[in-house]
Structure formats: C-alpha cells, structure tokens
C-alpha cells in the first residue's frame, strides 16, 4: 500500500524528470555534433520532439493533480467555502467530459498507426509508442480529475476549505 501511495504522490514527477533529462542530454549532444562536427542526426531531433510531447501531457496531468493550471480566480476570493467548492467541482466535471472525449478521439490515431504499422523516419520505431503520449496524458488527467472530485466532494460534505493549489501571483 505504501508503494501505491508513493506512485500516486511522485509518478508524474519522476516521469517528468526522466523525459526532461532525456530531452536536455539529447539536445546538448545534437548541438555539439552540429557545431563541432557539422553533422546532425535525424534520431536526435525525433527523441527531443517526442520527449517534449510526453513532457507536455504528463505535465498537464501533474498540473491537474496540484490544481496548478492557469486560471483567473478573482471571483473565487469573494466566494465562501461552499460555493467555491461547487465551482471547482463544476470545473472538474467539465474538464472530465472534455478529457473523456479527447481520450476517445486521440486513441483513433494510435489505432490507425498500429493497424498500418507506421514507423518514425529516423528511429524506425513504431509510431504507436509516441502517439500514445496523448491518450496516456488524457488517461492520467482523468485519474487525477477523479481524485480531485473525490477530494472536493469530501471537503464539501465536511465543510473544509477546498484545495486550491498554489498561486503564482498574489
């Protein structure tokens, strides 16, 4: 059980770290190769591109978990705990609906790629591995939204202030 809690707490952080390090190291190697040897590879550019795509989708799930998406919350400062919780629940439900629809439609490109066996130009690896970033990201977002909804409904029932995440500016 402790292992599952650690995965729940740190999974996105570790995945983000892995993809970020892979992106930075590959980009540094490619810059050095281009500047010193006047030679670059197509596989380096692909690794950077696909690492960035995974970073974006995993980061979106992490932002949902921490309620760190950009939002205009001027109105929230004037609301009491109950209306604020209801507004967050409504926002999460709308985002949940969008994420379910996006998950469904994003899986279509993965299915077509698998059906026809398309591969990347440089790495010659099945594009399915890279196209899965979008459905995987939406699946993670859905999981985090369900957790957020459960937490917010619990806070609404117990009268606790709703979790608002950290603010960038005051």
N, C-alpha and C. Protein backbone atom coordinates (compact mmCIF):
# COMPACT_ATOMS: atom_id res chain seq x y z
N UNK A 1 0.82 -1.21 0.00
CA UNK A 1 0.00 0.00 0.00
C UNK A 1 0.86 1.26 0.00
N UNK A 2 1.96 1.21 0.73
CA UNK A 2 2.87 2.36 0.77
C UNK A 2 3.46 2.62 -0.62
N UNK A 3 3.72 1.55 -1.37
CA UNK A 3 4.26 1.67 -2.72
C UNK A 3 3.27 2.40 -3.63
N UNK A 4 1.98 2.06 -3.51
CA UNK A 4 0.97 2.73 -4.32
C UNK A 4 0.83 4.20 -3.96
N UNK A 5 0.97 4.51 -2.68
CA UNK A 5 0.92 5.93 -2.26
C UNK A 5 2.08 6.71 -2.85
N UNK A 6 3.25 6.10 -2.87
CA UNK A 6 4.43 6.77 -3.45
C UNK A 6 4.25 6.99 -4.94
N UNK A 7 3.68 6.00 -5.63
CA UNK A 7 3.42 6.16 -7.06
C UNK A 7 2.41 7.29 -7.27
N UNK A 8 1.35 7.29 -6.46
CA UNK A 8 0.35 8.34 -6.56
C UNK A 8 0.95 9.72 -6.30
N UNK A 9 1.85 9.79 -5.35
CA UNK A 9 2.46 11.07 -4.98
C UNK A 9 3.53 11.53 -5.97
N UNK A 10 4.35 10.60 -6.48
CA UNK A 10 5.54 11.00 -7.22
C UNK A 10 5.62 10.54 -8.67
N UNK A 11 4.65 9.83 -9.18
CA UNK A 11 4.76 9.26 -10.53
C UNK A 11 5.03 10.32 -11.59
N UNK A 12 4.24 11.37 -11.60
CA UNK A 12 4.43 12.41 -12.61
C UNK A 12 5.78 13.09 -12.46
N UNK A 13 6.19 13.34 -11.24
CA UNK A 13 7.49 14.00 -11.03
C UNK A 13 8.63 13.19 -11.63
N UNK A 14 8.63 11.88 -11.36
CA UNK A 14 9.71 11.04 -11.87
C UNK A 14 9.65 10.91 -13.39
N UNK A 15 8.46 10.77 -13.93
CA UNK A 15 8.33 10.70 -15.39
C UNK A 15 8.77 12.01 -16.04
N UNK A 16 8.38 13.12 -15.44
CA UNK A 16 8.80 14.42 -15.97
C UNK A 16 10.32 14.56 -15.91
N UNK A 17 10.92 14.11 -14.83
CA UNK A 17 12.37 14.17 -14.70
C UNK A 17 13.06 13.33 -15.77
N UNK A 18 12.58 12.12 -15.99
CA UNK A 18 13.18 11.23 -16.99
C UNK A 18 13.10 11.85 -18.38
N UNK A 19 11.92 12.33 -18.77
CA UNK A 19 11.78 12.90 -20.10
C UNK A 19 12.54 14.22 -20.25
N UNK A 20 12.60 15.01 -19.18
CA UNK A 20 13.33 16.27 -19.25
C UNK A 20 14.83 16.01 -19.40
N UNK A 21 15.36 15.09 -18.62
CA UNK A 21 16.79 14.76 -18.72
C UNK A 21 17.10 14.20 -20.10
N UNK A 22 16.24 13.32 -20.60
CA UNK A 22 16.45 12.76 -21.93
C UNK A 22 16.45 13.86 -23.00
N UNK A 23 15.54 14.81 -22.87
CA UNK A 23 15.45 15.92 -23.81
C UNK A 23 16.71 16.78 -23.75
N UNK A 24 17.14 17.17 -22.56
CA UNK A 24 18.28 18.06 -22.41
C UNK A 24 19.57 17.39 -22.88
N UNK A 25 19.79 16.15 -22.49
CA UNK A 25 21.02 15.45 -22.89
C UNK A 25 21.07 15.26 -24.40
N UNK A 26 19.96 14.82 -24.98
CA UNK A 26 19.94 14.62 -26.43
C UNK A 26 20.13 15.93 -27.17
N UNK A 27 19.50 16.99 -26.69
CA UNK A 27 19.64 18.29 -27.34
C UNK A 27 21.08 18.80 -27.23
N UNK A 28 21.70 18.63 -26.08
CA UNK A 28 23.09 19.06 -25.91
C UNK A 28 24.01 18.28 -26.84
N UNK A 29 23.81 16.97 -26.94
CA UNK A 29 24.63 16.15 -27.84
C UNK A 29 24.44 16.60 -29.28
N UNK A 30 23.22 16.85 -29.68
CA UNK A 30 22.95 17.27 -31.06
C UNK A 30 23.55 18.64 -31.36
N UNK A 31 23.51 19.57 -30.42
CA UNK A 31 24.11 20.88 -30.63
C UNK A 31 25.63 20.74 -30.79
N UNK A 32 26.24 19.95 -29.92
CA UNK A 32 27.68 19.72 -30.03
C UNK A 32 28.04 19.06 -31.36
N UNK A 33 27.27 18.07 -31.75
CA UNK A 33 27.54 17.40 -33.02
C UNK A 33 27.41 18.36 -34.19
N UNK A 34 26.41 19.21 -34.12
CA UNK A 34 26.18 20.15 -35.22
C UNK A 34 27.27 21.21 -35.27
N UNK A 35 27.66 21.74 -34.13
CA UNK A 35 28.63 22.83 -34.10
C UNK A 35 30.08 22.35 -34.27
N UNK A 36 30.42 21.23 -33.67
CA UNK A 36 31.81 20.75 -33.72
C UNK A 36 32.07 19.91 -34.97
N UNK A 37 31.15 18.99 -35.28
CA UNK A 37 31.38 18.06 -36.38
C UNK A 37 30.60 18.41 -37.65
N UNK A 38 29.79 19.46 -37.60
CA UNK A 38 28.95 19.86 -38.73
C UNK A 38 28.09 18.69 -39.23
N UNK A 39 27.60 17.94 -38.28
CA UNK A 39 26.79 16.77 -38.60
C UNK A 39 25.69 16.64 -37.54
N UNK A 40 24.51 16.36 -37.99
CA UNK A 40 23.42 16.12 -37.04
C UNK A 40 22.66 14.88 -37.46
N UNK A 41 21.93 14.34 -36.55
CA UNK A 41 21.19 13.11 -36.83
C UNK A 41 19.70 13.37 -36.80
N UNK A 42 18.96 12.59 -37.52
CA UNK A 42 17.51 12.72 -37.51
C UNK A 42 16.93 12.11 -36.24
N UNK A 43 17.59 11.11 -35.68
CA UNK A 43 17.06 10.45 -34.49
C UNK A 43 17.10 11.38 -33.28
N UNK A 44 18.12 12.25 -33.19
CA UNK A 44 18.21 13.17 -32.06
C UNK A 44 17.05 14.15 -32.04
N UNK A 45 16.72 14.65 -33.22
CA UNK A 45 15.59 15.58 -33.32
C UNK A 45 14.29 14.88 -32.94
N UNK A 46 14.13 13.63 -33.34
CA UNK A 46 12.92 12.89 -33.00
C UNK A 46 12.82 12.62 -31.50
N UNK A 47 13.92 12.25 -30.88
CA UNK A 47 13.90 12.00 -29.44
C UNK A 47 13.51 13.26 -28.68
N UNK A 48 14.08 14.41 -29.09
CA UNK A 48 13.74 15.67 -28.43
C UNK A 48 12.27 16.00 -28.63
N UNK A 49 11.78 15.85 -29.85
CA UNK A 49 10.38 16.18 -30.15
C UNK A 49 9.43 15.31 -29.33
N UNK A 50 9.66 14.01 -29.33
CA UNK A 50 8.74 13.11 -28.63
C UNK A 50 8.88 13.21 -27.11
N UNK A 51 10.07 13.50 -26.63
CA UNK A 51 10.24 13.74 -25.19
C UNK A 51 9.45 14.96 -24.76
N UNK A 52 9.48 16.00 -25.59
CA UNK A 52 8.75 17.22 -25.28
C UNK A 52 7.24 16.96 -25.27
N UNK A 53 6.76 16.14 -26.20
CA UNK A 53 5.33 15.81 -26.23
C UNK A 53 4.93 15.07 -24.96
N UNK A 54 5.72 14.08 -24.56
CA UNK A 54 5.42 13.36 -23.31
C UNK A 54 5.50 14.32 -22.12
N UNK A 55 6.49 15.21 -22.11
CA UNK A 55 6.59 16.20 -21.03
C UNK A 55 5.31 17.02 -20.91
N UNK A 56 4.80 17.46 -22.04
CA UNK A 56 3.60 18.31 -22.02
C UNK A 56 2.40 17.57 -21.45
N UNK A 57 2.18 16.33 -21.87
CA UNK A 57 0.98 15.61 -21.42
C UNK A 57 1.10 15.12 -19.99
N UNK A 58 2.26 14.67 -19.60
CA UNK A 58 2.44 14.27 -18.20
C UNK A 58 2.38 15.50 -17.30
N UNK A 59 2.93 16.61 -17.78
CA UNK A 59 2.86 17.86 -17.03
C UNK A 59 1.43 18.35 -16.87
N UNK A 60 0.61 18.14 -17.87
CA UNK A 60 -0.80 18.53 -17.76
C UNK A 60 -1.50 17.73 -16.67
N UNK A 61 -1.20 16.44 -16.59
CA UNK A 61 -1.78 15.61 -15.52
C UNK A 61 -1.28 16.05 -14.15
N UNK A 62 0.01 16.39 -14.07
CA UNK A 62 0.56 16.87 -12.80
C UNK A 62 -0.08 18.19 -12.40
N UNK A 63 -0.35 19.04 -13.37
CA UNK A 63 -1.00 20.32 -13.08
C UNK A 63 -2.43 20.13 -12.59
N UNK A 64 -3.13 19.14 -13.13
CA UNK A 64 -4.48 18.85 -12.65
C UNK A 64 -4.41 18.37 -11.20
N UNK A 65 -3.44 17.51 -10.92
CA UNK A 65 -3.28 16.98 -9.56
C UNK A 65 -3.03 18.10 -8.55
N UNK A 66 -2.16 19.03 -8.91
CA UNK A 66 -1.79 20.11 -8.00
C UNK A 66 -2.68 21.35 -8.15
N UNK A 67 -3.67 21.25 -9.02
CA UNK A 67 -4.56 22.37 -9.34
C UNK A 67 -3.72 23.61 -9.69
N UNK A 68 -2.79 23.38 -10.61
CA UNK A 68 -1.82 24.42 -10.97
C UNK A 68 -2.03 24.97 -12.38
N UNK A 69 -3.14 24.62 -13.02
CA UNK A 69 -3.39 25.19 -14.35
C UNK A 69 -3.65 26.68 -14.22
N UNK A 70 -3.36 27.39 -15.27
CA UNK A 70 -3.59 28.83 -15.28
C UNK A 70 -5.09 29.07 -15.20
N UNK A 71 -5.47 29.94 -14.30
CA UNK A 71 -6.88 30.27 -14.15
C UNK A 71 -7.00 31.70 -13.62
N UNK A 72 -8.11 32.28 -13.90
CA UNK A 72 -8.41 33.62 -13.37
C UNK A 72 -9.35 33.40 -12.20
N UNK A 73 -8.85 33.65 -11.00
CA UNK A 73 -9.62 33.32 -9.82
C UNK A 73 -10.00 34.54 -8.98
N UNK A 74 -10.20 35.66 -9.65
CA UNK A 74 -10.60 36.88 -8.93
C UNK A 74 -11.93 36.67 -8.23
N UNK A 75 -12.86 36.01 -8.90
CA UNK A 75 -14.18 35.76 -8.33
C UNK A 75 -14.08 34.85 -7.11
N UNK A 76 -13.13 33.93 -7.12
CA UNK A 76 -13.00 32.95 -6.03
C UNK A 76 -12.71 33.63 -4.69
N UNK A 77 -12.05 34.75 -4.70
CA UNK A 77 -11.72 35.45 -3.46
C UNK A 77 -12.97 35.99 -2.74
N UNK A 78 -14.06 36.16 -3.48
CA UNK A 78 -15.27 36.71 -2.90
C UNK A 78 -16.30 35.65 -2.54
N UNK A 79 -15.98 34.39 -2.84
CA UNK A 79 -16.92 33.31 -2.56
C UNK A 79 -16.61 32.64 -1.24
N UNK A 80 -17.64 32.10 -0.62
CA UNK A 80 -17.45 31.31 0.59
C UNK A 80 -16.96 29.91 0.25
N UNK A 81 -16.68 29.11 1.27
CA UNK A 81 -16.13 27.77 1.02
C UNK A 81 -17.06 26.85 0.21
N UNK A 82 -18.35 26.91 0.48
CA UNK A 82 -19.29 26.02 -0.22
C UNK A 82 -19.43 26.38 -1.71
N UNK A 83 -19.72 27.64 -2.06
CA UNK A 83 -19.80 27.98 -3.49
C UNK A 83 -18.47 27.76 -4.22
N UNK A 84 -17.36 28.01 -3.52
CA UNK A 84 -16.05 27.80 -4.12
C UNK A 84 -15.86 26.32 -4.44
N UNK A 85 -16.23 25.45 -3.52
CA UNK A 85 -16.11 24.01 -3.74
C UNK A 85 -17.01 23.58 -4.90
N UNK A 86 -18.22 24.10 -4.95
CA UNK A 86 -19.14 23.75 -6.03
C UNK A 86 -18.60 24.21 -7.39
N UNK A 87 -17.99 25.37 -7.42
CA UNK A 87 -17.42 25.88 -8.67
C UNK A 87 -16.24 25.02 -9.12
N UNK A 88 -15.38 24.61 -8.18
CA UNK A 88 -14.27 23.72 -8.53
C UNK A 88 -14.78 22.36 -9.02
N UNK A 89 -15.81 21.85 -8.37
CA UNK A 89 -16.40 20.57 -8.79
C UNK A 89 -16.97 20.70 -10.19
N UNK A 90 -17.67 21.79 -10.46
CA UNK A 90 -18.22 22.02 -11.79
C UNK A 90 -17.10 22.08 -12.84
N UNK A 91 -16.04 22.81 -12.54
CA UNK A 91 -14.91 22.91 -13.46
C UNK A 91 -14.26 21.56 -13.72
N UNK A 92 -14.12 20.76 -12.67
CA UNK A 92 -13.54 19.43 -12.84
C UNK A 92 -14.46 18.52 -13.66
N UNK A 93 -15.76 18.65 -13.48
CA UNK A 93 -16.70 17.84 -14.27
C UNK A 93 -16.65 18.21 -15.75
N UNK A 94 -16.56 19.50 -16.03
CA UNK A 94 -16.44 19.95 -17.43
C UNK A 94 -15.13 19.43 -18.03
N UNK A 95 -14.04 19.58 -17.29
CA UNK A 95 -12.76 19.10 -17.77
C UNK A 95 -12.77 17.58 -17.94
N UNK A 96 -13.47 16.88 -17.05
CA UNK A 96 -13.58 15.43 -17.15
C UNK A 96 -14.28 15.04 -18.45
N UNK A 97 -15.37 15.72 -18.77
CA UNK A 97 -16.08 15.45 -20.02
C UNK A 97 -15.21 15.68 -21.24
N UNK A 98 -14.49 16.79 -21.25
CA UNK A 98 -13.59 17.09 -22.36
C UNK A 98 -12.48 16.04 -22.45
N UNK A 99 -11.94 15.63 -21.31
CA UNK A 99 -10.85 14.64 -21.30
C UNK A 99 -11.32 13.28 -21.80
N UNK A 100 -12.54 12.88 -21.46
CA UNK A 100 -13.07 11.59 -21.93
C UNK A 100 -13.24 11.63 -23.45
N UNK A 101 -13.79 12.71 -23.96
CA UNK A 101 -13.96 12.85 -25.42
C UNK A 101 -12.60 12.87 -26.11
N UNK A 102 -11.66 13.63 -25.57
CA UNK A 102 -10.32 13.72 -26.17
C UNK A 102 -9.59 12.38 -26.10
N UNK A 103 -9.77 11.64 -25.01
CA UNK A 103 -9.16 10.32 -24.91
C UNK A 103 -9.69 9.40 -26.01
N UNK A 104 -10.97 9.43 -26.20
CA UNK A 104 -11.59 8.60 -27.23
C UNK A 104 -11.03 8.95 -28.62
N UNK A 105 -11.01 10.24 -28.96
CA UNK A 105 -10.57 10.64 -30.29
C UNK A 105 -9.06 10.53 -30.47
N UNK A 106 -8.31 10.70 -29.42
CA UNK A 106 -6.85 10.60 -29.57
C UNK A 106 -6.40 9.15 -29.75
N UNK A 107 -7.19 8.22 -29.25
CA UNK A 107 -6.83 6.82 -29.42
C UNK A 107 -6.99 6.37 -30.87
N UNK A 108 -7.82 7.08 -31.64
CA UNK A 108 -8.03 6.71 -33.04
C UNK A 108 -6.74 6.78 -33.84
N UNK A 109 -5.94 7.81 -33.65
CA UNK A 109 -4.67 7.91 -34.38
C UNK A 109 -3.71 6.79 -33.98
N UNK A 110 -3.73 6.40 -32.71
CA UNK A 110 -2.89 5.29 -32.26
C UNK A 110 -3.35 4.00 -32.93
N UNK A 111 -4.64 3.79 -32.98
CA UNK A 111 -5.20 2.59 -33.59
C UNK A 111 -4.84 2.51 -35.09
N UNK A 112 -4.97 3.61 -35.79
CA UNK A 112 -4.65 3.64 -37.23
C UNK A 112 -3.16 3.39 -37.45
N UNK A 113 -2.32 4.00 -36.62
CA UNK A 113 -0.88 3.79 -36.73
C UNK A 113 -0.51 2.33 -36.49
N UNK A 114 -1.14 1.71 -35.51
CA UNK A 114 -0.88 0.29 -35.23
C UNK A 114 -1.39 -0.59 -36.36
N UNK A 115 -2.54 -0.24 -36.91
CA UNK A 115 -3.13 -1.03 -37.98
C UNK A 115 -2.25 -1.05 -39.23
N UNK A 116 -1.68 0.10 -39.57
CA UNK A 116 -0.87 0.19 -40.79
C UNK A 116 0.63 0.04 -40.54
N UNK A 117 1.03 -0.09 -39.26
CA UNK A 117 2.44 -0.32 -38.94
C UNK A 117 3.36 0.83 -39.27
N UNK A 118 2.90 2.06 -39.09
CA UNK A 118 3.75 3.22 -39.40
C UNK A 118 4.90 3.33 -38.40
N UNK A 119 6.05 3.77 -38.91
CA UNK A 119 7.24 3.92 -38.09
C UNK A 119 7.78 5.34 -38.24
N UNK A 120 8.60 5.75 -37.28
CA UNK A 120 9.19 7.09 -37.34
C UNK A 120 10.27 7.11 -38.41
N UNK A 121 10.57 8.29 -38.92
CA UNK A 121 11.52 8.42 -40.02
C UNK A 121 12.95 8.08 -39.61
N UNK A 122 13.38 8.58 -38.46
CA UNK A 122 14.77 8.40 -38.07
C UNK A 122 15.02 7.17 -37.22
N UNK A 123 14.18 6.96 -36.22
CA UNK A 123 14.40 5.86 -35.28
C UNK A 123 13.90 4.52 -35.82
N UNK A 124 12.99 4.57 -36.77
CA UNK A 124 12.38 3.36 -37.34
C UNK A 124 11.69 2.52 -36.27
N UNK A 125 11.09 3.22 -35.31
CA UNK A 125 10.32 2.60 -34.23
C UNK A 125 8.85 2.87 -34.51
N UNK A 126 8.00 1.96 -34.11
CA UNK A 126 6.56 2.13 -34.31
C UNK A 126 6.10 3.46 -33.73
N UNK A 127 5.34 4.19 -34.52
CA UNK A 127 4.82 5.49 -34.07
C UNK A 127 3.83 5.35 -32.91
N UNK A 128 3.33 4.14 -32.71
CA UNK A 128 2.38 3.91 -31.62
C UNK A 128 2.96 4.36 -30.29
N UNK A 129 4.25 4.08 -30.06
CA UNK A 129 4.90 4.46 -28.80
C UNK A 129 4.86 5.96 -28.57
N UNK A 130 4.93 6.72 -29.64
CA UNK A 130 4.96 8.18 -29.50
C UNK A 130 3.57 8.78 -29.56
N UNK A 131 2.70 8.19 -30.37
CA UNK A 131 1.33 8.69 -30.42
C UNK A 131 0.57 8.39 -29.14
N UNK A 132 1.02 7.40 -28.38
CA UNK A 132 0.35 7.06 -27.11
C UNK A 132 0.50 8.16 -26.06
N UNK A 133 1.35 9.13 -26.30
CA UNK A 133 1.53 10.22 -25.34
C UNK A 133 0.21 10.94 -25.07
N UNK A 134 -0.56 11.17 -26.11
CA UNK A 134 -1.81 11.93 -25.95
C UNK A 134 -2.86 11.12 -25.18
N UNK A 135 -3.20 9.89 -25.60
CA UNK A 135 -4.17 9.14 -24.79
C UNK A 135 -3.68 8.85 -23.38
N UNK A 136 -2.39 8.58 -23.23
CA UNK A 136 -1.84 8.36 -21.90
C UNK A 136 -1.98 9.61 -21.04
N UNK A 137 -1.70 10.76 -21.63
CA UNK A 137 -1.85 12.02 -20.90
C UNK A 137 -3.29 12.26 -20.48
N UNK A 138 -4.23 12.02 -21.39
CA UNK A 138 -5.64 12.21 -21.03
C UNK A 138 -6.10 11.18 -20.01
N UNK A 139 -5.59 9.96 -20.09
CA UNK A 139 -5.94 8.95 -19.08
C UNK A 139 -5.44 9.38 -17.71
N UNK A 140 -4.21 9.89 -17.64
CA UNK A 140 -3.69 10.39 -16.36
C UNK A 140 -4.51 11.58 -15.86
N UNK A 141 -4.89 12.45 -16.78
CA UNK A 141 -5.72 13.61 -16.40
C UNK A 141 -7.05 13.12 -15.82
N UNK A 142 -7.66 12.11 -16.44
CA UNK A 142 -8.93 11.58 -15.94
C UNK A 142 -8.76 11.01 -14.55
N UNK A 143 -7.68 10.25 -14.32
CA UNK A 143 -7.43 9.69 -12.98
C UNK A 143 -7.28 10.82 -11.97
N UNK A 144 -6.50 11.83 -12.30
CA UNK A 144 -6.30 12.95 -11.37
C UNK A 144 -7.58 13.75 -11.16
N UNK A 145 -8.42 13.87 -12.18
CA UNK A 145 -9.70 14.57 -12.01
C UNK A 145 -10.63 13.79 -11.10
N UNK A 146 -10.64 12.46 -11.22
CA UNK A 146 -11.47 11.64 -10.33
C UNK A 146 -11.00 11.83 -8.89
N UNK A 147 -9.68 11.81 -8.67
CA UNK A 147 -9.16 12.04 -7.32
C UNK A 147 -9.54 13.43 -6.82
N UNK A 148 -9.46 14.42 -7.69
CA UNK A 148 -9.82 15.79 -7.31
C UNK A 148 -11.29 15.89 -6.96
N UNK A 149 -12.14 15.25 -7.75
CA UNK A 149 -13.58 15.29 -7.47
C UNK A 149 -13.90 14.61 -6.14
N UNK A 150 -13.28 13.48 -5.87
CA UNK A 150 -13.50 12.79 -4.60
C UNK A 150 -13.06 13.68 -3.44
N UNK A 151 -11.89 14.31 -3.57
CA UNK A 151 -11.38 15.19 -2.52
C UNK A 151 -12.31 16.39 -2.32
N UNK A 152 -12.75 17.01 -3.43
CA UNK A 152 -13.60 18.20 -3.32
C UNK A 152 -14.97 17.87 -2.75
N UNK A 153 -15.54 16.75 -3.14
CA UNK A 153 -16.84 16.35 -2.58
C UNK A 153 -16.71 16.06 -1.09
N UNK A 154 -15.62 15.42 -0.71
CA UNK A 154 -15.37 15.16 0.72
C UNK A 154 -15.24 16.49 1.48
N UNK A 155 -14.49 17.44 0.94
CA UNK A 155 -14.34 18.74 1.59
C UNK A 155 -15.67 19.48 1.65
N UNK A 156 -16.48 19.34 0.61
CA UNK A 156 -17.79 20.00 0.59
C UNK A 156 -18.68 19.42 1.69
N UNK A 157 -18.67 18.11 1.84
CA UNK A 157 -19.51 17.45 2.86
C UNK A 157 -19.06 17.76 4.27
N UNK A 158 -17.74 17.84 4.48
CA UNK A 158 -17.23 18.07 5.84
C UNK A 158 -17.09 19.55 6.18
N UNK A 159 -17.27 20.41 5.19
CA UNK A 159 -17.17 21.85 5.44
C UNK A 159 -15.75 22.38 5.44
N UNK A 160 -14.80 21.55 5.06
CA UNK A 160 -13.40 22.01 4.98
C UNK A 160 -13.24 22.93 3.77
N UNK A 161 -12.25 23.84 3.83
CA UNK A 161 -11.98 24.66 2.64
C UNK A 161 -11.44 23.78 1.51
N UNK A 162 -11.87 24.07 0.31
CA UNK A 162 -11.48 23.29 -0.85
C UNK A 162 -9.99 23.52 -1.17
N UNK A 163 -9.33 22.46 -1.67
CA UNK A 163 -7.94 22.57 -2.07
C UNK A 163 -7.85 23.45 -3.31
N UNK A 164 -7.05 24.52 -3.22
CA UNK A 164 -6.95 25.46 -4.33
C UNK A 164 -5.61 25.42 -5.04
N UNK A 165 -4.65 24.68 -4.53
CA UNK A 165 -3.33 24.65 -5.14
C UNK A 165 -2.55 25.91 -4.80
N UNK A 166 -1.35 25.97 -5.30
CA UNK A 166 -0.51 27.15 -5.05
C UNK A 166 -0.82 28.23 -6.08
N UNK A 167 -0.67 29.48 -5.67
CA UNK A 167 -0.86 30.59 -6.59
C UNK A 167 0.51 31.11 -7.03
N UNK A 168 0.57 31.56 -8.27
CA UNK A 168 1.81 32.15 -8.77
C UNK A 168 1.95 33.59 -8.32
N UNK A 169 0.83 34.31 -8.34
CA UNK A 169 0.84 35.73 -8.00
C UNK A 169 -0.23 36.02 -6.97
N UNK A 170 0.00 36.95 -6.13
CA UNK A 170 -1.00 37.36 -5.15
C UNK A 170 -1.59 38.68 -5.50
